[in-house]
Amino acid sequence: MNIKKSTLRRSGMILGIIIVIVVVTMIFSSLSGSGTKNEVLIQTNMGNITVQLYPSKAPITVQNFENYVKAGFYNGTVFHRVMKGFVIQGGGYTINGTLKQTNPPIKLESDNGLSNIKYTIAMARTNDPNSATSQFFINTADNTYLDYSTSNPGYAVFGKVVSGMNIVDEIENIPVTTKYGMQNWPVQNVVIEKMSMIN
């Protein structure tokens, strides 16, 4: 009888340890995801910027952005619109002012609880809410009036800068001019030399 109780006690302890291991493994897996950090490295001629993406908040937008990154679309494009105290915008034009051919536009995901605060990244678009393609902007101020509301479709935030804020600040402070028919084009070209996913 004592042997059976001891055996049962030992079995119970082993089962308890197994359950703890399984639970801890599940928690770790949910936190670590599939092994990707959902981060993008933006290498510019002025320095590097790392952006953390939010696929759970803006799945369509993040997938669209990652597709362009993986295809090498952004390599050789520029930050063509720099407005101090507002945004730096890029992802559509080459150094010589040529607008690149893009994939079809995506559905707007601005109603996702994310705000256009400083150092967040959002999609640029036309007056048509569902017109975003490749162009994006990094907010250089708290531009909360760009957020979604019942009276404003807003602009979809899909990530934030997690390193290289100083590079964003440097780009923001470059003098601008009118070039290729566009205002706020930096006098000094800010080239996106390469974008890549960080695994």
Protein backbone atom coordinates (compact mmCIF):
# COMPACT_ATOMS: atom_id res chain seq x y z
CA MET A 1 0.00 0.00 0.00
CA ASN A 2 2.82 2.41 0.87
CA ILE A 3 4.62 1.53 -2.35
CA LYS A 4 1.52 2.32 -4.40
CA LYS A 5 1.08 5.69 -2.67
CA SER A 6 4.74 6.51 -3.24
CA THR A 7 4.47 5.51 -6.89
CA LEU A 8 1.34 7.59 -7.34
CA ARG A 9 2.99 10.55 -5.62
CA ARG A 10 6.04 10.25 -7.88
CA SER A 11 3.85 9.93 -10.98
CA GLY A 12 1.90 12.99 -9.94
CA MET A 13 5.08 14.99 -9.52
CA ILE A 14 6.35 13.93 -12.94
CA LEU A 15 3.00 14.79 -14.54
CA GLY A 16 3.09 18.18 -12.82
CA ILE A 17 6.58 18.88 -14.13
CA ILE A 18 5.53 17.88 -17.66
CA ILE A 19 2.51 20.20 -17.52
CA VAL A 20 4.70 23.10 -16.33
CA ILE A 21 7.18 22.48 -19.17
CA VAL A 22 4.37 22.36 -21.75
CA VAL A 23 2.77 25.57 -20.43
CA VAL A 24 6.10 27.43 -20.34
CA THR A 25 6.89 26.25 -23.88
CA MET A 26 3.49 27.44 -25.12
CA ILE A 27 3.94 30.86 -23.49
CA PHE A 28 7.43 31.23 -24.94
CA SER A 29 6.20 30.22 -28.39
CA SER A 30 3.36 32.74 -28.30
CA LEU A 31 5.75 35.51 -27.27
CA SER A 32 8.43 34.68 -29.78
CA GLY A 33 6.05 34.02 -32.67
CA SER A 34 7.52 32.23 -35.65
CA GLY A 35 11.05 33.40 -34.94
CA THR A 36 10.77 36.71 -36.77
CA LYS A 37 10.90 40.05 -34.99
CA ASN A 38 8.81 41.74 -37.68
CA GLU A 39 11.48 44.39 -37.92
CA VAL A 40 12.80 46.13 -41.02
CA LEU A 41 16.22 47.70 -41.37
CA ILE A 42 16.22 50.87 -43.50
CA GLN A 43 19.77 51.58 -44.62
CA THR A 44 20.17 55.15 -45.88
CA ASN A 45 23.14 57.23 -46.99
CA MET A 46 22.74 59.11 -43.69
CA GLY A 47 22.55 56.09 -41.38
CA ASN A 48 20.32 53.20 -40.40
CA ILE A 49 16.76 53.19 -39.08
CA THR A 50 15.07 50.11 -37.61
CA VAL A 51 11.30 49.84 -37.69
CA GLN A 52 9.19 47.44 -35.63
CA LEU A 53 6.03 46.35 -37.50
CA TYR A 54 2.61 45.50 -36.00
CA PRO A 55 1.09 42.66 -38.08
CA SER A 56 -1.60 41.96 -35.47
CA LYS A 57 -2.84 45.56 -35.70
CA ALA A 58 -2.44 46.17 -39.45
CA PRO A 59 -2.06 42.78 -41.19
CA ILE A 60 -2.83 43.97 -44.74
CA THR A 61 -0.57 47.01 -44.45
CA VAL A 62 2.33 45.11 -42.91
CA GLN A 63 2.11 42.33 -45.51
CA ASN A 64 2.06 44.93 -48.29
CA PHE A 65 5.09 46.73 -46.84
CA GLU A 66 7.01 43.48 -46.33
CA ASN A 67 6.26 42.42 -49.91
CA TYR A 68 7.90 45.59 -51.22
CA VAL A 69 10.85 45.14 -48.84
CA LYS A 70 11.44 41.51 -49.86
CA ALA A 71 11.17 42.40 -53.56
CA GLY A 72 13.90 45.06 -53.18
CA PHE A 73 11.44 47.71 -54.37
CA TYR A 74 12.62 50.37 -51.94
CA ASN A 75 16.31 50.01 -52.76
CA GLY A 76 17.46 53.17 -54.52
CA THR A 77 14.37 55.22 -53.66
CA VAL A 78 14.53 58.45 -51.67
CA PHE A 79 12.84 60.36 -48.90
CA HIS A 80 11.31 62.86 -51.32
CA ARG A 81 9.16 64.86 -48.90
CA VAL A 82 10.64 66.35 -45.75
CA MET A 83 8.53 68.66 -43.60
CA LYS A 84 10.12 69.72 -40.31
CA GLY A 85 7.79 69.19 -37.36
CA PHE A 86 5.54 66.94 -39.42
CA VAL A 87 6.85 63.97 -41.44
CA ILE A 88 9.56 62.50 -43.63
CA GLN A 89 8.05 60.59 -46.54
CA GLY A 90 9.58 58.13 -48.99
CA GLY A 91 9.19 54.87 -50.83
CA GLY A 92 7.98 55.99 -54.25
CA TYR A 93 10.54 58.06 -56.14
CA THR A 94 14.06 57.48 -57.40
CA ILE A 95 16.88 60.04 -57.15
CA ASN A 96 15.98 61.54 -60.53
CA GLY A 97 12.32 62.05 -59.62
CA THR A 98 10.95 58.99 -61.42
CA LEU A 99 7.83 57.52 -59.78
CA LYS A 100 8.17 53.74 -59.55
CA GLN A 101 5.48 51.35 -60.74
CA THR A 102 3.68 49.84 -57.75
CA ASN A 103 1.44 46.94 -56.82
CA PRO A 104 -2.33 47.57 -56.58
CA PRO A 105 -3.52 49.80 -53.71
CA ILE A 106 -4.58 48.29 -50.39
CA LYS A 107 -7.48 48.65 -48.00
CA LEU A 108 -7.07 51.35 -45.35
CA GLU A 109 -6.43 49.99 -41.83
CA SER A 110 -6.37 53.25 -39.88
CA ASP A 111 -9.09 52.13 -37.45
CA ASN A 112 -6.68 49.88 -35.54
CA GLY A 113 -6.14 51.74 -32.29
CA LEU A 114 -2.68 53.02 -33.27
CA SER A 115 -1.95 56.74 -33.25
CA ASN A 116 0.23 58.90 -35.52
CA ILE A 117 2.58 59.90 -32.72
CA LYS A 118 6.25 60.80 -33.10
CA TYR A 119 8.45 58.10 -34.67
CA THR A 120 5.54 55.92 -35.80
CA ILE A 121 5.42 54.81 -39.44
CA ALA A 122 2.24 55.06 -41.50
CA MET A 123 1.13 54.67 -45.10
CA ALA A 124 0.82 57.68 -47.37
CA ARG A 125 -2.21 57.87 -49.65
CA THR A 126 -4.25 60.18 -51.87
CA ASN A 127 -7.69 61.58 -51.00
CA ASP A 128 -9.05 58.11 -51.70
CA PRO A 129 -8.81 56.27 -48.35
CA ASN A 130 -8.03 52.95 -50.06
CA SER A 131 -5.22 54.22 -52.28
CA ALA A 132 -2.00 53.44 -50.36
CA THR A 133 0.63 51.54 -52.35
CA SER A 134 4.33 51.80 -51.53
CA GLN A 135 4.83 55.26 -50.07
CA PHE A 136 5.13 55.62 -46.31
CA PHE A 137 5.96 58.35 -43.84
CA ILE A 138 7.58 58.57 -40.42
CA ASN A 139 5.90 61.03 -38.10
CA THR A 140 8.37 63.53 -36.63
CA ALA A 141 5.76 65.00 -34.27
CA ASP A 142 2.58 63.87 -32.55
CA ASN A 143 0.26 64.20 -35.55
CA THR A 144 -2.83 62.81 -33.86
CA TYR A 145 -5.12 64.71 -36.22
CA LEU A 146 -4.06 62.13 -38.82
CA ASP A 147 -5.71 59.39 -36.76
CA TYR A 148 -8.95 57.65 -37.66
CA SER A 149 -12.21 59.09 -36.38
CA THR A 150 -15.85 58.84 -37.39
CA SER A 151 -15.39 61.97 -39.48
CA ASN A 152 -11.84 61.29 -40.72
CA PRO A 153 -10.59 58.11 -42.46
CA GLY A 154 -7.10 58.89 -41.17
CA TYR A 155 -3.76 57.32 -42.04
CA ALA A 156 -2.83 53.76 -41.13
CA VAL A 157 -0.03 53.42 -38.59
CA PHE A 158 1.63 50.01 -38.90
CA GLY A 159 4.83 50.26 -36.85
CA LYS A 160 7.32 52.46 -35.06
CA VAL A 161 10.99 53.37 -35.18
CA VAL A 162 12.87 51.45 -32.47
CA SER A 163 16.39 52.62 -33.33
CA GLY A 164 17.87 55.36 -35.48
CA MET A 165 15.63 58.13 -34.15
CA ASN A 166 18.66 60.42 -34.46
CA ILE A 167 18.81 59.63 -38.18
CA VAL A 168 15.12 60.50 -38.53
CA ASP A 169 15.84 63.79 -36.76
CA GLU A 170 18.79 64.54 -39.06
CA ILE A 171 16.71 63.87 -42.17
CA GLU A 172 13.91 66.07 -40.83
CA ASN A 173 16.30 69.01 -40.52
CA ILE A 174 17.68 68.92 -44.07
CA PRO A 175 16.87 72.08 -46.08
CA VAL A 176 14.31 71.52 -48.83
CA THR A 177 13.49 72.94 -52.24
CA THR A 178 11.03 72.49 -55.09
CA LYS A 179 12.31 69.80 -57.44
CA TYR A 180 10.73 67.66 -60.16
CA GLY A 181 7.54 69.64 -59.66
CA MET A 182 7.33 68.72 -55.96
CA GLN A 183 7.72 70.89 -52.90
CA ASN A 184 9.73 69.86 -49.82
CA TRP A 185 12.27 67.80 -51.78
CA PRO A 186 15.53 67.65 -49.75
CA VAL A 187 18.40 69.69 -51.18
CA GLN A 188 20.65 66.79 -50.16
CA ASN A 189 19.33 63.48 -51.51
CA VAL A 190 18.37 61.05 -48.75
CA VAL A 191 18.72 57.68 -50.43
CA ILE A 192 17.27 54.43 -49.16
CA GLU A 193 20.17 52.24 -50.20
CA LYS A 194 18.58 49.02 -48.99
CA MET A 195 15.68 47.71 -46.94
CA SER A 196 15.70 44.24 -45.43
CA MET A 197 13.78 42.10 -42.95
CA ILE A 198 15.51 41.39 -39.63
CA ASN A 199 15.10 37.75 -38.55
